[in-house]
Protein backbone atom coordinates (compact mmCIF):
# COMPACT_ATOMS: atom_id res chain seq x y z
CA MET A 1 0.00 0.00 0.00
CA ALA A 2 1.47 3.37 -1.05
CA GLN A 3 2.10 5.84 1.75
CA SER A 4 0.24 9.14 1.72
CA PRO A 5 2.05 12.28 0.49
CA SER A 6 1.66 13.90 3.89
CA LEU A 7 3.28 10.90 5.61
CA ALA A 8 6.16 10.90 3.12
CA VAL A 9 6.72 14.63 3.68
CA SER A 10 6.61 14.10 7.44
CA ARG A 11 9.20 11.33 7.28
CA LEU A 12 11.44 13.39 5.01
CA ALA A 13 11.20 16.35 7.39
CA ASP A 14 11.99 14.06 10.33
CA ARG A 15 15.06 12.69 8.51
CA GLU A 16 16.32 16.17 7.66
CA ASN A 17 15.80 17.23 11.27
CA ARG A 18 17.79 14.23 12.49
CA LEU A 19 20.62 14.99 10.05
CA ARG A 20 20.74 18.58 11.25
CA HIS A 21 21.00 17.34 14.82
CA LEU A 22 23.73 14.95 13.68
CA VAL A 23 25.74 17.82 12.16
CA ASP A 24 25.43 19.77 15.42
CA ALA A 25 26.45 16.65 17.33
CA ASN A 26 29.52 16.12 15.13
CA PHE A 27 30.68 19.67 15.78
CA ALA A 28 30.15 19.16 19.52
CA ILE A 29 32.08 15.88 19.56
CA GLY A 30 34.83 17.21 17.30
CA SER A 31 35.43 20.17 19.61
CA GLU A 32 36.37 17.94 22.56
CA GLY A 33 40.05 18.06 23.42
CA SER A 34 40.75 14.61 24.87
CA LEU A 35 39.84 11.05 23.93
CA ASP A 36 37.93 10.54 27.19
CA ASP A 37 35.83 13.63 26.48
CA VAL A 38 35.10 12.46 22.91
CA LEU A 39 33.88 9.06 24.11
CA GLN A 40 31.70 10.55 26.85
CA LYS A 41 30.20 13.16 24.52
CA THR A 42 29.46 10.45 21.92
CA VAL A 43 27.32 8.34 24.26
CA GLU A 44 25.44 11.41 25.50
CA VAL A 45 24.76 12.63 21.94
CA ALA A 46 23.72 9.14 20.76
CA ALA A 47 21.17 8.84 23.57
CA ARG A 48 19.67 12.22 22.67
CA LEU A 49 19.55 11.53 18.92
CA VAL A 50 17.39 8.41 19.25
CA VAL A 51 15.76 9.26 22.60
CA ALA A 52 17.25 6.26 24.46
CA ARG A 53 17.33 5.96 28.23
CA TYR A 54 20.71 4.22 28.31
CA ALA A 55 23.82 4.48 26.12
CA ALA A 56 27.29 3.04 26.38
CA LEU A 57 30.49 2.91 24.33
CA GLY A 58 32.65 -0.17 24.80
CA VAL A 59 36.33 0.04 23.81
CA LEU A 60 37.97 -3.20 22.68
CA ASP A 61 41.28 -4.43 24.12
CA ARG A 62 44.40 -5.19 22.10
CA THR A 63 43.09 -8.62 21.08
CA GLY A 64 39.91 -7.08 19.64
CA SER A 65 37.76 -9.74 21.31
CA HIS A 66 36.94 -8.30 24.75
CA LEU A 67 36.03 -4.92 26.20
CA GLU A 68 38.67 -3.10 28.22
CA ARG A 69 36.55 -0.09 29.22
CA LEU A 70 32.94 1.06 29.09
CA VAL A 71 31.76 4.68 28.95
CA THR A 72 28.09 5.09 29.91
CA THR A 73 25.24 7.54 30.33
CA GLY A 74 21.92 6.93 32.08
CA ILE A 75 23.44 4.65 34.74
CA ASP A 76 24.57 6.22 38.01
CA ASP A 77 27.82 5.28 39.76
CA THR A 78 26.08 3.23 42.45
CA THR A 79 24.24 1.08 39.91
CA ARG A 80 27.38 0.64 37.83
CA ALA A 81 29.32 -0.48 40.92
CA ARG A 82 26.62 -3.07 41.69
CA ILE A 83 26.75 -4.44 38.12
CA GLY A 84 30.48 -5.18 38.48
CA GLU A 85 32.46 -6.61 35.56
CA LEU A 86 32.30 -5.35 31.98
CA PRO A 87 29.86 -7.05 29.55
CA SER A 88 31.18 -10.21 27.87
CA ASP A 89 30.55 -11.64 24.40
CA HIS A 90 27.16 -13.25 25.05
CA GLY A 91 23.82 -12.84 23.30
CA VAL A 92 23.48 -9.83 21.00
CA LEU A 93 26.83 -8.49 22.16
CA ARG A 94 28.47 -11.56 20.66
CA VAL A 95 27.23 -10.57 17.21
CA LEU A 96 28.61 -7.04 17.64
CA LEU A 97 31.99 -8.21 18.94
CA ARG A 98 32.47 -11.11 16.52
CA GLU A 99 30.75 -9.94 13.34
CA ALA A 100 31.18 -6.14 13.63
CA ARG A 101 27.79 -5.24 12.15
CA PRO A 102 24.79 -3.27 13.46
CA VAL A 103 22.34 -5.13 15.67
CA ARG A 104 18.76 -3.97 16.35
CA VAL A 105 16.31 -6.05 18.38
CA ALA A 106 12.92 -5.33 19.91
CA ASP A 107 13.49 -7.32 23.12
CA VAL A 108 16.91 -8.69 24.10
CA THR A 109 15.33 -10.85 26.81
CA LYS A 110 13.65 -12.93 24.09
CA GLU A 111 16.84 -13.55 22.11
CA ARG A 112 17.83 -17.21 21.79
CA ASN A 113 21.26 -16.72 23.41
CA PHE A 114 20.12 -14.32 26.16
CA PHE A 115 22.08 -15.10 29.33
CA GLY A 116 20.26 -12.79 31.72
CA PHE A 117 21.35 -9.55 33.34
CA PRO A 118 23.83 -9.52 36.25
CA PRO A 119 22.51 -8.58 39.73
CA GLY A 120 21.70 -4.89 40.01
CA HIS A 121 21.54 -4.37 36.23
CA PRO A 122 18.51 -2.30 35.13
CA LEU A 123 15.95 -4.05 32.92
CA MET A 124 16.55 -3.40 29.22
CA ARG A 125 14.50 -4.65 26.30
CA SER A 126 14.84 -2.61 23.10
CA PHE A 127 18.46 -2.54 21.91
CA LEU A 128 20.54 -0.96 19.15
CA GLY A 129 24.25 -1.59 18.70
CA VAL A 130 26.66 -0.21 16.07
CA PRO A 131 30.42 -0.84 15.65
CA ILE A 132 32.90 2.07 15.53
CA PHE A 133 35.76 1.73 13.05
CA VAL A 134 39.09 3.56 13.25
CA ARG A 135 41.45 3.09 10.28
CA GLY A 136 39.32 0.20 9.07
CA VAL A 137 39.63 -1.73 12.33
CA VAL A 138 36.89 -2.11 14.95
CA TYR A 139 37.74 0.27 17.80
CA GLY A 140 34.64 -0.41 19.88
CA ASP A 141 30.87 -0.60 19.90
CA LEU A 142 28.13 1.94 20.58
CA TYR A 143 25.18 0.51 22.53
CA LEU A 144 21.74 2.05 23.07
CA ALA A 145 18.90 0.55 25.10
CA GLU A 146 15.35 1.32 26.20
CA LYS A 147 14.02 3.73 23.59
CA GLU A 148 11.65 6.09 25.37
CA GLU A 149 8.76 5.45 22.98
CA GLY A 150 8.42 2.12 21.21
CA GLN A 151 11.29 0.32 19.50
CA PHE A 152 14.41 1.44 17.66
CA THR A 153 13.71 1.99 13.97
CA GLU A 154 15.66 1.70 10.76
CA ALA A 155 16.02 5.49 10.82
CA ASP A 156 17.52 5.24 14.33
CA GLU A 157 20.03 2.68 13.07
CA GLU A 158 20.93 4.91 10.12
CA ILE A 159 21.55 8.01 12.25
CA VAL A 160 23.59 6.12 14.90
CA THR A 161 25.68 4.46 12.14
CA LEU A 162 26.48 7.91 10.71
CA LEU A 163 27.34 9.16 14.20
CA ALA A 164 29.64 6.16 14.72
CA ALA A 165 31.41 6.85 11.41
CA GLN A 166 32.03 10.50 12.28
CA THR A 167 33.10 9.52 15.80
CA GLY A 168 35.65 7.12 14.29
CA ILE A 169 37.18 10.00 12.31
CA THR A 170 37.23 12.21 15.40
CA ILE A 171 38.84 9.47 17.52
CA GLU A 172 41.55 9.04 14.89
CA LYS A 173 42.17 12.79 14.78
CA VAL A 174 42.45 12.98 18.59
CA GLN A 175 44.71 9.91 18.70
CA LEU A 176 47.01 11.42 16.09
CA HIS A 177 47.12 14.73 17.95
CA GLU A 178 47.76 13.08 21.31
CA GLY A 179 50.35 10.82 19.69
CA ALA A 180 52.23 13.79 18.23
CA ILE A 181 52.11 15.61 21.58
CA HIS A 182 53.34 12.47 23.34
CA TRP A 183 56.26 12.17 20.89
CA ILE A 184 57.13 15.82 21.45
CA ARG A 185 57.10 15.29 25.22
CA GLN A 186 59.32 12.26 24.78
CA LEU A 187 61.83 14.31 22.80
CA GLU A 188 61.71 17.17 25.31
CA ALA A 189 62.32 14.71 28.14
CA LEU A 190 65.20 13.06 26.26
CA ASP A 191 66.74 16.47 25.51
CA GLU A 192 66.36 17.35 29.18
CA GLN A 193 68.21 14.17 30.10
CA THR A 194 70.99 15.01 27.62
CA HIS A 195 71.54 18.50 29.01
CA ASN A 196 71.48 17.23 32.59
CA VAL A 197 74.02 14.53 31.81
CA LEU A 198 76.27 17.12 30.19
CA GLU A 199 75.91 19.77 32.89
CA ARG A 200 75.89 17.51 36.00
CA ARG A 201 78.54 14.98 35.22
CA GLU A 202 79.38 14.25 38.86
CA ASP A 203 75.84 14.37 40.26
CA VAL A 204 74.72 10.97 39.00
CA SER A 205 72.13 10.44 41.75
CA ARG A 206 70.25 13.60 40.72
CA ILE A 207 70.26 12.50 37.09
CA LEU A 208 68.94 9.02 37.94
CA GLU A 209 66.17 10.58 40.05
CA LEU A 210 65.19 12.73 37.06
CA VAL A 211 65.25 9.69 34.73
CA ALA A 212 62.96 7.76 37.07
CA ARG A 213 60.52 10.65 37.47
CA ARG A 214 60.25 11.61 33.81
CA LEU A 215 59.98 8.01 32.62
CA ARG A 216 57.21 7.24 35.10
CA GLU A 217 55.27 10.31 33.93
CA LEU A 218 55.61 9.45 30.23
CA ILE A 219 54.69 5.76 30.43
CA ARG A 220 52.15 6.43 33.25
CA ALA A 221 53.65 3.77 35.54
CA ARG A 222 52.76 3.43 39.19
CA GLU A 223 56.41 3.06 40.17
CA VAL A 224 59.85 3.18 38.50
CA LEU A 225 63.07 1.94 40.12
CA ILE A 226 66.68 2.21 38.94
CA SER A 227 69.01 -0.41 40.41
CA VAL A 228 72.81 -0.39 40.10
CA PRO A 229 75.52 -2.80 41.32
CA ALA A 230 76.27 -2.39 45.04
CA PRO A 231 79.90 -2.20 46.27
CA SER A 232 79.30 -5.26 48.48
CA GLY A 233 77.78 -7.26 45.61
CA GLY A 234 74.28 -7.66 44.23
CA LEU A 235 72.17 -4.63 43.37
CA ARG A 236 70.78 -1.66 45.26
CA VAL A 237 68.02 0.82 44.38
CA ALA A 238 69.77 4.06 43.39
CA ALA A 239 66.66 6.05 42.39
CA ALA A 240 62.90 5.59 42.62
CA ASP A 241 59.74 7.49 41.79
CA GLY A 242 56.12 6.64 42.45
CA GLU A 243 54.02 5.42 45.33
CA GLY A 244 56.99 4.02 47.28
CA GLY A 245 59.11 7.02 46.35
CA ALA A 246 62.36 7.79 48.09
CA SER A 247 61.71 5.19 50.79
CA ARG A 248 62.97 2.47 48.43
CA VAL A 249 66.29 4.20 47.66
CA GLY A 250 69.12 2.18 49.20
CA ASP A 251 67.12 -1.06 49.37
CA GLY A 252 69.02 -4.17 48.40
CA VAL A 253 67.82 -6.30 45.48
CA PRO A 254 68.25 -10.10 45.85
CA SER A 255 71.07 -11.55 43.76
CA GLU A 256 68.68 -14.13 42.24
CA SER A 257 66.01 -11.57 41.33
CA LYS A 258 64.70 -10.71 37.88
CA HIS A 259 66.73 -7.49 38.07
CA ALA A 260 69.96 -9.47 38.42
CA LYS A 261 69.06 -11.84 35.58
CA VAL A 262 68.21 -8.94 33.22
CA LEU A 263 71.51 -7.32 34.25
CA ALA A 264 73.38 -10.51 33.37
CA ARG A 265 71.56 -11.10 30.06
CA GLY A 266 71.57 -7.45 28.98
CA LYS A 267 68.16 -7.78 27.30
CA SER A 268 64.91 -5.91 27.97
CA GLU A 269 61.75 -7.76 29.01
CA ARG A 270 58.07 -6.81 29.15
CA ILE A 271 56.11 -8.88 31.69
CA ASP A 272 52.32 -8.90 31.35
CA SER A 273 51.80 -11.03 34.47
CA VAL A 274 54.31 -10.81 37.33
CA LEU A 275 52.77 -13.83 39.08
CA GLU A 276 53.36 -16.07 36.07
CA ASP A 277 57.07 -15.27 35.69
CA PRO A 278 59.14 -17.75 37.77
CA GLU A 279 62.22 -15.48 37.77
CA ILE A 280 60.50 -12.62 39.59
CA ASP A 281 61.02 -12.49 43.33
CA GLN A 282 57.43 -12.50 44.61
CA VAL A 283 58.46 -10.84 47.89
CA VAL A 284 59.80 -7.87 45.96
CA ALA A 285 56.74 -7.95 43.66
CA ARG A 286 54.37 -7.82 46.63
CA ARG A 287 56.38 -4.97 48.14
CA VAL A 288 55.77 -2.83 45.06
CA GLY A 289 52.32 -4.28 44.33
CA GLY A 290 53.52 -5.55 40.97
CA VAL A 291 50.98 -6.94 38.48
CA ALA A 292 52.78 -6.12 35.21
CA ALA A 293 56.33 -4.88 34.72
CA LEU A 294 59.13 -3.68 32.44
CA PHE A 295 62.80 -4.54 32.95
CA VAL A 296 65.39 -2.63 30.88
CA PRO A 297 69.18 -2.90 31.28
CA LEU A 298 71.39 0.19 31.38
CA MET A 299 73.86 -0.52 28.57
CA PHE A 300 76.95 1.40 27.53
CA HIS A 301 79.36 -0.03 24.95
CA GLU A 302 78.04 -3.55 25.65
CA ARG A 303 78.63 -3.08 29.35
CA THR A 304 75.58 -3.50 31.60
CA MET A 305 75.60 -0.90 34.38
CA GLY A 306 72.20 -1.29 36.03
CA VAL A 307 68.51 -1.99 35.47
CA ILE A 308 65.39 0.16 35.14
CA SER A 309 62.19 -1.52 36.34
CA ALA A 310 58.66 -0.16 36.03
CA PHE A 311 55.54 -1.62 37.62
CA ASN A 312 51.85 -1.35 36.74
CA LYS A 313 50.65 1.09 34.09
CA ASN A 314 47.97 3.37 35.52
CA GLY A 315 44.46 2.82 34.16
CA PRO A 316 42.18 -0.16 33.65
CA ASP A 317 44.93 -2.27 32.01
CA PRO A 318 48.16 -2.48 34.07
CA ARG A 319 50.15 -3.95 31.17
CA PHE A 320 52.77 -1.89 29.35
CA THR A 321 53.01 -1.59 25.55
CA ASP A 322 55.89 -2.04 23.13
CA ASP A 323 56.04 1.75 22.80
CA ASP A 324 56.50 2.00 26.57
CA LEU A 325 59.35 -0.49 26.32
CA ARG A 326 61.08 1.48 23.54
CA LEU A 327 60.79 4.70 25.50
CA ALA A 328 62.20 3.03 28.63
CA GLU A 329 65.14 1.80 26.54
CA ALA A 330 65.79 5.36 25.31
CA PHE A 331 65.79 6.59 28.92
CA ALA A 332 68.03 3.68 29.94
CA THR A 333 70.58 4.89 27.39
CA ARG A 334 70.68 8.29 29.12
CA ALA A 335 70.87 6.72 32.56
CA ALA A 336 73.73 4.46 31.46
CA LEU A 337 75.59 7.45 30.07
CA ALA A 338 75.09 9.29 33.37
CA VAL A 339 76.58 6.37 35.30
CA HIS A 340 79.50 6.17 32.91
CA LEU A 341 80.17 9.91 33.09
CA SER A 342 80.22 9.72 36.87
CA GLU A 343 83.06 7.21 36.55
CA SER A 344 85.03 8.75 33.69
CA VAL A 345 84.35 11.95 31.77
CA ALA A 346 85.37 11.04 28.23
CA ARG A 347 84.73 12.75 24.93
CA GLU A 348 83.54 9.53 23.30
CA THR A 349 80.70 9.47 25.83
CA VAL A 350 79.56 12.94 24.82
CA ASP A 351 79.67 11.81 21.19
CA ALA A 352 77.48 8.83 22.10
CA ILE A 353 74.97 11.16 23.73
CA PHE A 354 74.60 13.20 20.57
CA GLU A 355 74.42 10.07 18.41
CA ALA A 356 71.68 8.64 20.61
CA GLN A 357 69.87 11.97 20.51
CA GLU A 358 70.06 12.13 16.71
CA ALA A 359 68.91 8.51 16.42
CA GLU A 360 65.91 9.25 18.63
CA ARG A 361 65.13 12.41 16.65
CA SER A 362 65.32 10.40 13.43
CA ARG A 363 63.01 7.68 14.80
CA ILE A 364 60.38 10.15 15.95
CA ALA A 365 60.66 12.12 12.68
CA ARG A 366 60.14 8.91 10.68
CA GLU A 367 57.12 7.94 12.75
CA LEU A 368 55.62 11.40 12.38
CA HIS A 369 56.23 11.42 8.63
CA ASP A 370 55.37 7.81 7.79
CA GLU A 371 52.64 6.90 10.30
CA THR A 372 51.03 10.18 11.30
CA GLY A 373 51.41 11.78 7.86
CA SER A 374 49.97 8.71 6.11
CA ALA A 375 47.09 8.50 8.57
CA LEU A 376 46.20 12.17 8.09
CA THR A 377 46.30 11.70 4.33
CA ALA A 378 43.89 8.77 4.74
CA VAL A 379 41.59 10.99 6.79
CA LEU A 380 41.63 13.60 4.00
CA LEU A 381 40.73 10.92 1.43
CA GLY A 382 37.89 9.72 3.66
CA LEU A 383 36.54 13.24 3.99
CA ALA A 384 36.77 13.66 0.22
CA ALA A 385 34.56 10.58 -0.14
CA ILE A 386 32.01 12.16 2.19
CA ASP A 387 32.08 15.32 0.07
CA ALA A 388 31.36 13.27 -3.05
CA ALA A 389 28.26 11.70 -1.51
CA PRO A 390 24.88 13.43 -1.91
CA THR A 391 23.92 14.82 1.48
CA LEU A 392 22.97 18.05 3.23
CA PRO A 393 25.06 21.23 2.83
CA GLU A 394 25.64 21.20 6.59
CA VAL A 395 27.36 17.82 6.34
CA HIS A 396 29.61 19.17 3.56
CA GLN A 397 30.33 22.17 5.77
CA ALA A 398 31.33 19.89 8.69
CA SER A 399 33.49 17.78 6.37
CA ALA A 400 35.22 20.90 5.01
CA ALA A 401 35.98 22.10 8.54
CA LEU A 402 37.47 18.73 9.48
CA ARG A 403 39.47 18.71 6.24
CA GLU A 404 41.02 22.08 7.04
CA ILE A 405 41.97 20.84 10.50
CA ALA A 406 43.56 17.72 8.99
CA ARG A 407 45.46 19.79 6.38
CA GLY A 408 46.77 22.16 9.05
CA THR A 409 47.84 19.25 11.25
CA LEU A 410 49.57 17.60 8.28
CA GLU A 411 51.56 20.78 7.64
CA ASN A 412 52.52 21.01 11.32
CA VAL A 413 53.61 17.36 11.32
CA GLY A 414 55.84 17.99 8.29
CA ARG A 415 57.41 21.04 9.92
CA LEU A 416 57.97 19.19 13.18
CA ALA A 417 59.52 16.19 11.38
CA PHE A 418 61.98 18.56 9.66
CA GLU A 419 62.92 20.22 12.95
CA LEU A 420 63.54 16.82 14.52
CA ARG A 421 65.71 15.45 11.71
CA PRO A 422 65.62 16.94 8.18
CA SER A 423 65.73 14.09 5.67
CA GLY A 424 67.56 16.38 3.24
CA LEU A 425 70.59 16.48 5.57
CA ASP A 426 71.16 12.77 4.98
CA GLU A 427 70.07 12.69 1.33
CA PHE A 428 71.44 15.92 -0.15
CA GLY A 429 73.94 17.29 2.35
CA LEU A 430 74.55 20.24 4.64
CA VAL A 431 73.98 23.25 2.37
CA PRO A 432 70.47 22.22 1.13
CA ALA A 433 69.50 21.44 4.74
CA LEU A 434 70.69 24.90 5.87
CA LYS A 435 68.69 26.50 3.07
CA ASP A 436 65.55 24.62 4.11
CA LEU A 437 66.14 25.58 7.75
CA SER A 438 66.50 29.26 6.86
CA SER A 439 63.48 29.41 4.55
CA GLY A 440 61.36 27.53 7.08
CA LEU A 441 62.10 30.06 9.84
CA GLU A 442 61.34 32.94 7.48
CA GLU A 443 57.99 31.38 6.51
CA GLN A 444 57.10 31.14 10.20
CA GLY A 445 57.57 34.88 10.62
CA GLY A 446 61.22 34.86 11.65
CA PRO A 447 63.89 37.37 10.59
CA LYS A 448 65.24 37.70 7.06
CA ILE A 449 68.06 35.16 6.69
CA GLU A 450 70.90 35.45 4.16
CA LEU A 451 72.97 32.33 3.58
CA ASP A 452 76.39 32.35 1.92
CA ALA A 453 77.73 28.80 1.62
CA ASP A 454 81.10 28.03 0.04
CA LEU A 455 81.15 24.27 -0.53
CA PRO A 456 82.07 22.75 -3.88
CA ASP A 457 79.16 21.13 -5.73
CA GLY A 458 78.82 17.48 -4.81
CA LYS A 459 81.29 17.69 -1.91
CA ARG A 460 80.07 16.05 1.31
CA LEU A 461 81.58 16.47 4.73
CA PRO A 462 81.68 13.54 7.18
CA ALA A 463 78.17 12.80 8.48
CA LYS A 464 79.13 13.59 12.09
CA LEU A 465 80.51 16.97 11.02
CA GLU A 466 77.45 17.85 8.90
CA THR A 467 75.13 16.99 11.77
CA ALA A 468 77.18 19.07 14.22
CA ILE A 469 77.24 22.15 11.94
CA PHE A 470 73.50 21.86 11.23
CA ARG A 471 72.64 21.58 14.95
CA ILE A 472 74.96 24.47 15.88
CA THR A 473 73.29 26.65 13.22
CA GLN A 474 69.84 25.52 14.35
CA GLU A 475 70.63 26.38 17.98
CA ALA A 476 72.06 29.77 16.97
CA LEU A 477 68.95 30.63 14.92
CA THR A 478 66.69 29.45 17.77
CA ASN A 479 68.52 31.83 20.12
CA VAL A 480 68.06 34.67 17.63
CA VAL A 481 64.32 34.04 17.32
CA LYS A 482 63.80 33.61 21.08
CA HIS A 483 66.04 36.35 22.46
CA ALA A 484 67.57 38.73 19.90
CA GLU A 485 64.49 40.42 18.37
CA ALA A 486 66.54 40.68 15.17
CA THR A 487 65.22 41.65 11.75
CA SER A 488 68.02 40.01 9.75
CA VAL A 489 70.59 37.23 10.12
CA HIS A 490 73.65 36.54 7.99
CA ILE A 491 75.02 32.98 7.88
CA ILE A 492 78.41 32.38 6.29
CA PHE A 493 79.74 28.86 5.82
CA ALA A 494 83.18 28.40 4.28
CA CYS A 495 85.23 25.27 3.62
CA ARG A 496 88.96 25.86 3.92
CA GLU A 497 91.89 23.52 3.27
CA ARG A 498 92.07 22.13 6.80
CA SER A 499 88.90 23.40 8.51
CA VAL A 500 85.38 24.65 8.05
CA VAL A 501 84.19 27.97 9.45
CA LEU A 502 80.62 28.89 10.36
CA THR A 503 79.59 32.43 11.25
CA VAL A 504 76.09 33.48 12.35
CA GLY A 505 75.54 37.20 12.88
CA ASP A 506 72.34 39.11 13.68
CA ASP A 507 71.25 42.74 14.11
CA GLY A 508 69.40 42.10 17.37
CA HIS A 509 69.76 43.82 20.74
CA GLY A 510 72.77 41.67 21.78
CA PHE A 511 73.88 40.93 25.33
CA SER A 512 76.79 41.54 27.64
CA GLN A 513 79.63 39.03 27.62
CA ALA A 514 79.09 38.50 31.36
CA GLN A 515 75.50 37.48 30.65
CA GLY A 516 76.53 34.94 28.02
CA ALA A 517 79.62 33.57 29.75
CA GLY A 518 77.69 31.41 32.18
CA GLY A 519 75.98 29.41 29.50
CA GLY A 520 72.72 31.30 29.28
CA LEU A 521 70.66 31.80 26.13
CA GLY A 522 71.02 28.14 25.20
CA LEU A 523 74.79 28.33 24.68
CA VAL A 524 75.64 25.28 26.81
CA GLY A 525 74.43 22.78 24.22
CA MET A 526 76.17 24.72 21.45
CA ARG A 527 79.50 24.65 23.30
CA GLU A 528 79.19 20.92 23.91
CA ARG A 529 78.35 20.30 20.25
CA VAL A 530 81.38 22.31 19.11
CA ALA A 531 83.63 20.49 21.58
CA SER A 532 82.37 17.11 20.32
CA VAL A 533 84.00 17.82 16.93
CA ASN A 534 87.12 19.43 18.48
CA GLY A 535 86.05 22.87 17.29
CA VAL A 536 86.51 26.36 18.68
CA LEU A 537 83.58 28.66 19.52
CA ALA A 538 83.87 32.44 19.73
CA ILE A 539 81.01 34.79 20.65
CA GLU A 540 81.06 38.54 20.05
CA SER A 541 78.19 40.61 21.39
CA LYS A 542 77.33 43.73 23.32
CA PRO A 543 74.00 45.34 24.15
CA GLY A 544 72.46 47.16 21.20
CA ASP A 545 74.98 45.86 18.67
CA GLY A 546 73.78 42.37 17.75
CA THR A 547 75.60 39.06 18.18
CA ARG A 548 78.20 37.23 16.09
CA ILE A 549 78.94 33.56 16.67
CA LYS A 550 81.95 32.03 14.94
CA VAL A 551 82.79 28.33 14.91
CA GLU A 552 85.92 26.76 13.38
CA ILE A 553 86.14 22.98 13.12
CA PRO A 554 89.18 21.04 11.88
CA LEU A 555 88.66 18.65 8.96
CA ALA A 556 91.23 16.12 10.13
């Protein structure tokens, strides 16, 4: 039987109204700053869109087969506490978890595989569930229950599916942003470790305390310990940060413990279950409340000098990830260098610091360029597909706004990757990299930069020397931008018979030699970098007359 024109018009108007609400909802969700806020806003918006009493968003664990967290609305804290454990893959949830397709039923209690509700769980009959995909993989599921009037309809399923698709894009955007920020914080922490190792060569205990604190913050561990060999044999805790804090410093570590075995083997280990590892001393594990752990040796030139251990990642899952392990290994490198420097201040150690720093910069730059850049490009392609589909102008407007955000983020990622480690320095050499550095600063609103480079075409300097000169120039230009208030900078690079000479001069306000002599204005790192290649650094400056930095480095 054909529907009446008035009914068709009514349904069309209802659909347009829903889509308008969806556009508003997408803007609201997209404006949230953190992943937790995005998930919470999604369940609240979903409940409003289809007038459901209850809504929840379940996030899958690493295996993709079980829920690791559940964000809800409509259920108070007391009721949720009474319910207890997260839902498992039974009944209609099994279809969502295993088959990753929408599920809509009139009464879940009449489903063939219904297992019943746990004690304290509110009665729910009508149900609508939709999977959320991120980068083509199921990230989680959006559940709605108890529609206020009647049962969930096909239109409800359509609108929630669209919401889930847009939420997937937003989750990916937030993950990429948080990932980039996390990488930046990692680099800042590693740079902080480098400067502290260089400036506090004899104060190894302070450096180890800083390593423990910064590592615990970045991997969100409950406790981090650094153990080193004790004079009387075995190991002792030299630094600690977390719930036990300083009270553990000085504690002995049993000679048959996991720490000692990792020290002997010189290999990192990630332990998902402390109780199931026979090598872990359960007395020590109970003392720190260990459920999951990381063990990373402090290695320097194949010599093992101690062990970093971390226990229990904060949050619903105490297990650490492979990324956490890699970051702990990067920190262990700094800690090992600190221990070595406390024993013998040698130039080869300072070289190793800079090599490790450049390797870490290169790794993060590659990840930003390859993973984050590719993911953002995929987001842009996905948004282009939305633009090509016939839909409301408001949806196109929302897609355009998201596309501009993605484009801007992609540009920032490219700029950040260059600042971390310009690929042109390795591929084309020093002079092209200096040109890119200069033009990049100008494009960001920096001073006018003139570069005069005298290096025969095709001639390459040793890689260590090119890296040192690039970093010295980068640090000098950073100082100009931050402190000099200059309008122009002149960089001169000349290759002589037995040396190379770099001069960076600006027309800024300058500073007194007494002010710069103590290592202010970021000159400490520059001096160390020059010393690492046996160069000589000279600084000429006085208030009101700009600054001139000259570096001469021998070629042999």
